[in-house]
Amino acid sequence: MKHASIVVRADWDEEAGVWVASSNDIEGLAIEADTLRSPKPKLIAVAAGLLELNGFTSNQPEIPIHIIAEQLVGIPNPTK
């Protein structure tokens, strides 16, 4: 597995009331957090070990991880 950077997606789970972070680039990554800021320390703690277990290789001194978050919010329809 060779990537210039890694993408982690954080989605709000309304039912559970937590952010869930996962990645197609890091097999086995699944992190839950109460706030959008709290996945970052958990991600740093878990990512290196999972990358090593998954055979990730890179020549970069640091591996960039892009955390992309999306939360759907509904507003009342003013025409109803």
N, C-alpha and C. Protein backbone atom coordinates (compact mmCIF):
# COMPACT_ATOMS: atom_id res chain seq x y z
N MET A 1 0.85 -1.16 0.00
CA MET A 1 0.00 0.00 0.00
C MET A 1 0.90 1.23 0.00
N LYS A 2 0.81 2.08 -1.03
CA LYS A 2 1.62 3.29 -1.12
C LYS A 2 0.71 4.47 -1.41
N HIS A 3 0.72 5.44 -0.53
CA HIS A 3 -0.10 6.63 -0.69
C HIS A 3 0.73 7.86 -0.39
N ALA A 4 0.45 8.96 -1.08
CA ALA A 4 1.08 10.23 -0.74
C ALA A 4 0.46 10.79 0.52
N SER A 5 -0.82 10.49 0.73
CA SER A 5 -1.52 10.92 1.94
C SER A 5 -2.67 9.96 2.20
N ILE A 6 -3.23 10.08 3.38
CA ILE A 6 -4.31 9.19 3.81
C ILE A 6 -5.55 10.04 4.07
N VAL A 7 -6.69 9.54 3.68
CA VAL A 7 -7.95 10.24 3.91
C VAL A 7 -8.74 9.48 4.97
N VAL A 8 -9.14 10.22 6.00
CA VAL A 8 -10.01 9.68 7.05
C VAL A 8 -11.30 10.47 7.00
N ARG A 9 -12.40 9.78 6.98
CA ARG A 9 -13.72 10.43 6.93
C ARG A 9 -14.38 10.34 8.29
N ALA A 10 -14.84 11.47 8.79
CA ALA A 10 -15.56 11.51 10.06
C ALA A 10 -17.01 11.88 9.78
N ASP A 11 -17.93 11.03 10.20
CA ASP A 11 -19.35 11.25 9.98
C ASP A 11 -20.08 11.26 11.32
N TRP A 12 -21.08 12.12 11.43
CA TRP A 12 -21.88 12.21 12.63
C TRP A 12 -22.92 11.10 12.62
N ASP A 13 -22.94 10.30 13.68
CA ASP A 13 -23.94 9.24 13.85
C ASP A 13 -25.00 9.78 14.79
N GLU A 14 -26.09 10.23 14.22
CA GLU A 14 -27.17 10.87 14.99
C GLU A 14 -27.73 9.93 16.05
N GLU A 15 -27.93 8.68 15.68
CA GLU A 15 -28.51 7.71 16.61
C GLU A 15 -27.60 7.46 17.82
N ALA A 16 -26.31 7.31 17.58
CA ALA A 16 -25.37 7.05 18.66
C ALA A 16 -24.90 8.33 19.34
N GLY A 17 -25.04 9.47 18.67
CA GLY A 17 -24.60 10.74 19.22
C GLY A 17 -23.10 10.89 19.28
N VAL A 18 -22.39 10.32 18.29
CA VAL A 18 -20.93 10.40 18.26
C VAL A 18 -20.45 10.60 16.82
N TRP A 19 -19.21 11.09 16.71
CA TRP A 19 -18.53 11.13 15.42
C TRP A 19 -17.85 9.78 15.21
N VAL A 20 -17.94 9.26 14.02
CA VAL A 20 -17.30 7.99 13.68
C VAL A 20 -16.30 8.25 12.56
N ALA A 21 -15.03 7.94 12.83
CA ALA A 21 -13.97 8.14 11.85
C ALA A 21 -13.52 6.80 11.30
N SER A 22 -13.41 6.72 9.97
CA SER A 22 -12.95 5.49 9.32
C SER A 22 -12.19 5.89 8.05
N SER A 23 -11.51 4.92 7.46
CA SER A 23 -10.72 5.20 6.28
C SER A 23 -10.60 3.97 5.40
N ASN A 24 -10.69 4.18 4.09
CA ASN A 24 -10.41 3.11 3.14
C ASN A 24 -8.91 2.88 3.02
N ASP A 25 -8.11 3.87 3.48
CA ASP A 25 -6.66 3.78 3.37
C ASP A 25 -6.00 3.07 4.56
N ILE A 26 -6.73 2.97 5.69
CA ILE A 26 -6.20 2.30 6.88
C ILE A 26 -7.18 1.21 7.27
N GLU A 27 -6.89 -0.01 6.85
CA GLU A 27 -7.78 -1.13 7.14
C GLU A 27 -7.92 -1.31 8.65
N GLY A 28 -9.16 -1.44 9.10
CA GLY A 28 -9.43 -1.68 10.52
C GLY A 28 -9.64 -0.42 11.33
N LEU A 29 -9.49 0.76 10.73
CA LEU A 29 -9.66 2.00 11.48
C LEU A 29 -11.13 2.29 11.71
N ALA A 30 -11.52 2.41 12.96
CA ALA A 30 -12.87 2.81 13.34
C ALA A 30 -12.77 3.45 14.71
N ILE A 31 -12.98 4.75 14.76
CA ILE A 31 -12.84 5.52 15.99
C ILE A 31 -14.13 6.29 16.23
N GLU A 32 -14.61 6.28 17.47
CA GLU A 32 -15.77 7.08 17.86
C GLU A 32 -15.31 8.18 18.79
N ALA A 33 -15.95 9.35 18.68
CA ALA A 33 -15.61 10.48 19.54
C ALA A 33 -16.83 11.36 19.75
N ASP A 34 -16.90 11.99 20.93
CA ASP A 34 -18.03 12.84 21.26
C ASP A 34 -18.04 14.16 20.50
N THR A 35 -16.85 14.69 20.21
CA THR A 35 -16.75 15.95 19.48
C THR A 35 -15.90 15.76 18.24
N LEU A 36 -15.99 16.69 17.33
CA LEU A 36 -15.21 16.60 16.09
C LEU A 36 -13.72 16.74 16.36
N ARG A 37 -13.35 17.44 17.41
CA ARG A 37 -11.93 17.60 17.73
C ARG A 37 -11.33 16.36 18.39
N SER A 38 -12.13 15.60 19.09
CA SER A 38 -11.56 14.49 19.85
C SER A 38 -11.11 13.28 19.03
N PRO A 39 -11.52 13.09 17.76
CA PRO A 39 -10.95 11.95 17.02
C PRO A 39 -9.46 12.10 16.73
N LYS A 40 -8.96 13.34 16.66
CA LYS A 40 -7.57 13.57 16.25
C LYS A 40 -6.57 12.86 17.17
N PRO A 41 -6.60 13.04 18.49
CA PRO A 41 -5.63 12.33 19.34
C PRO A 41 -5.79 10.81 19.26
N LYS A 42 -7.03 10.35 19.17
CA LYS A 42 -7.26 8.90 19.05
C LYS A 42 -6.70 8.38 17.74
N LEU A 43 -6.89 9.15 16.67
CA LEU A 43 -6.40 8.76 15.35
C LEU A 43 -4.88 8.65 15.35
N ILE A 44 -4.21 9.64 15.93
CA ILE A 44 -2.75 9.61 15.99
C ILE A 44 -2.27 8.40 16.78
N ALA A 45 -2.96 8.08 17.86
CA ALA A 45 -2.55 6.95 18.70
C ALA A 45 -2.73 5.61 18.00
N VAL A 46 -3.75 5.49 17.15
CA VAL A 46 -4.09 4.20 16.54
C VAL A 46 -3.49 4.02 15.15
N ALA A 47 -3.38 5.11 14.39
CA ALA A 47 -3.02 5.02 12.96
C ALA A 47 -1.66 4.37 12.73
N ALA A 48 -0.64 4.76 13.47
CA ALA A 48 0.71 4.23 13.22
C ALA A 48 0.75 2.72 13.39
N GLY A 49 0.12 2.22 14.43
CA GLY A 49 0.09 0.77 14.65
C GLY A 49 -0.65 0.04 13.56
N LEU A 50 -1.80 0.58 13.13
CA LEU A 50 -2.57 -0.07 12.07
C LEU A 50 -1.82 -0.02 10.74
N LEU A 51 -1.16 1.10 10.45
CA LEU A 51 -0.40 1.20 9.20
C LEU A 51 0.71 0.15 9.17
N GLU A 52 1.39 -0.02 10.29
CA GLU A 52 2.45 -1.03 10.36
C GLU A 52 1.89 -2.44 10.19
N LEU A 53 0.80 -2.73 10.87
CA LEU A 53 0.16 -4.05 10.74
C LEU A 53 -0.31 -4.33 9.32
N ASN A 54 -0.75 -3.27 8.63
CA ASN A 54 -1.28 -3.43 7.27
C ASN A 54 -0.20 -3.40 6.20
N GLY A 55 1.07 -3.24 6.58
CA GLY A 55 2.16 -3.25 5.60
C GLY A 55 2.31 -1.97 4.82
N PHE A 56 1.87 -0.85 5.37
CA PHE A 56 1.99 0.45 4.71
C PHE A 56 3.46 0.81 4.56
N THR A 57 3.84 1.33 3.39
CA THR A 57 5.20 1.80 3.17
C THR A 57 5.17 3.21 2.60
N SER A 58 6.14 4.01 3.01
CA SER A 58 6.25 5.37 2.52
C SER A 58 7.67 5.85 2.77
N ASN A 59 8.18 6.73 1.90
CA ASN A 59 9.49 7.34 2.08
C ASN A 59 9.40 8.70 2.78
N GLN A 60 8.19 9.14 3.09
CA GLN A 60 7.99 10.44 3.70
C GLN A 60 8.33 10.40 5.19
N PRO A 61 8.93 11.48 5.73
CA PRO A 61 9.21 11.52 7.16
C PRO A 61 7.94 11.59 8.01
N GLU A 62 6.90 12.20 7.47
CA GLU A 62 5.59 12.23 8.10
C GLU A 62 4.55 11.85 7.06
N ILE A 63 3.53 11.16 7.50
CA ILE A 63 2.46 10.75 6.59
C ILE A 63 1.27 11.67 6.82
N PRO A 64 0.90 12.47 5.82
CA PRO A 64 -0.24 13.38 5.99
C PRO A 64 -1.56 12.61 6.05
N ILE A 65 -2.38 12.98 7.01
CA ILE A 65 -3.72 12.41 7.14
C ILE A 65 -4.72 13.54 7.02
N HIS A 66 -5.61 13.44 6.05
CA HIS A 66 -6.67 14.42 5.83
C HIS A 66 -7.92 13.92 6.52
N ILE A 67 -8.42 14.67 7.50
CA ILE A 67 -9.66 14.32 8.18
C ILE A 67 -10.77 15.15 7.54
N ILE A 68 -11.70 14.47 6.91
CA ILE A 68 -12.81 15.12 6.22
C ILE A 68 -14.08 14.83 7.02
N ALA A 69 -14.78 15.88 7.42
CA ALA A 69 -15.97 15.72 8.24
C ALA A 69 -17.20 16.23 7.50
N GLU A 70 -18.31 15.56 7.74
CA GLU A 70 -19.57 15.97 7.16
C GLU A 70 -20.66 15.73 8.17
N GLN A 71 -21.52 16.74 8.34
CA GLN A 71 -22.66 16.61 9.23
C GLN A 71 -23.86 17.21 8.52
N LEU A 72 -24.92 16.45 8.41
CA LEU A 72 -26.15 16.91 7.77
C LEU A 72 -27.03 17.59 8.82
N VAL A 73 -27.46 18.80 8.51
CA VAL A 73 -28.34 19.56 9.40
C VAL A 73 -29.56 19.98 8.61
N GLY A 74 -30.74 19.78 9.17
CA GLY A 74 -31.97 20.21 8.53
C GLY A 74 -32.47 21.51 9.14
N ILE A 75 -33.05 22.36 8.30
CA ILE A 75 -33.64 23.59 8.80
C ILE A 75 -35.13 23.56 8.44
N PRO A 76 -35.96 24.27 9.21
CA PRO A 76 -37.38 24.32 8.86
C PRO A 76 -37.58 24.98 7.49
N ASN A 77 -38.51 24.44 6.74
CA ASN A 77 -38.83 24.99 5.44
C ASN A 77 -39.68 26.24 5.64
N PRO A 78 -39.19 27.41 5.25
CA PRO A 78 -39.94 28.65 5.49
C PRO A 78 -41.21 28.78 4.66
N THR A 79 -41.36 27.94 3.62
CA THR A 79 -42.55 28.02 2.77
C THR A 79 -43.66 27.09 3.23
N LYS A 80 -43.45 26.34 4.31
CA LYS A 80 -44.47 25.40 4.79
C LYS A 80 -45.15 25.92 6.01
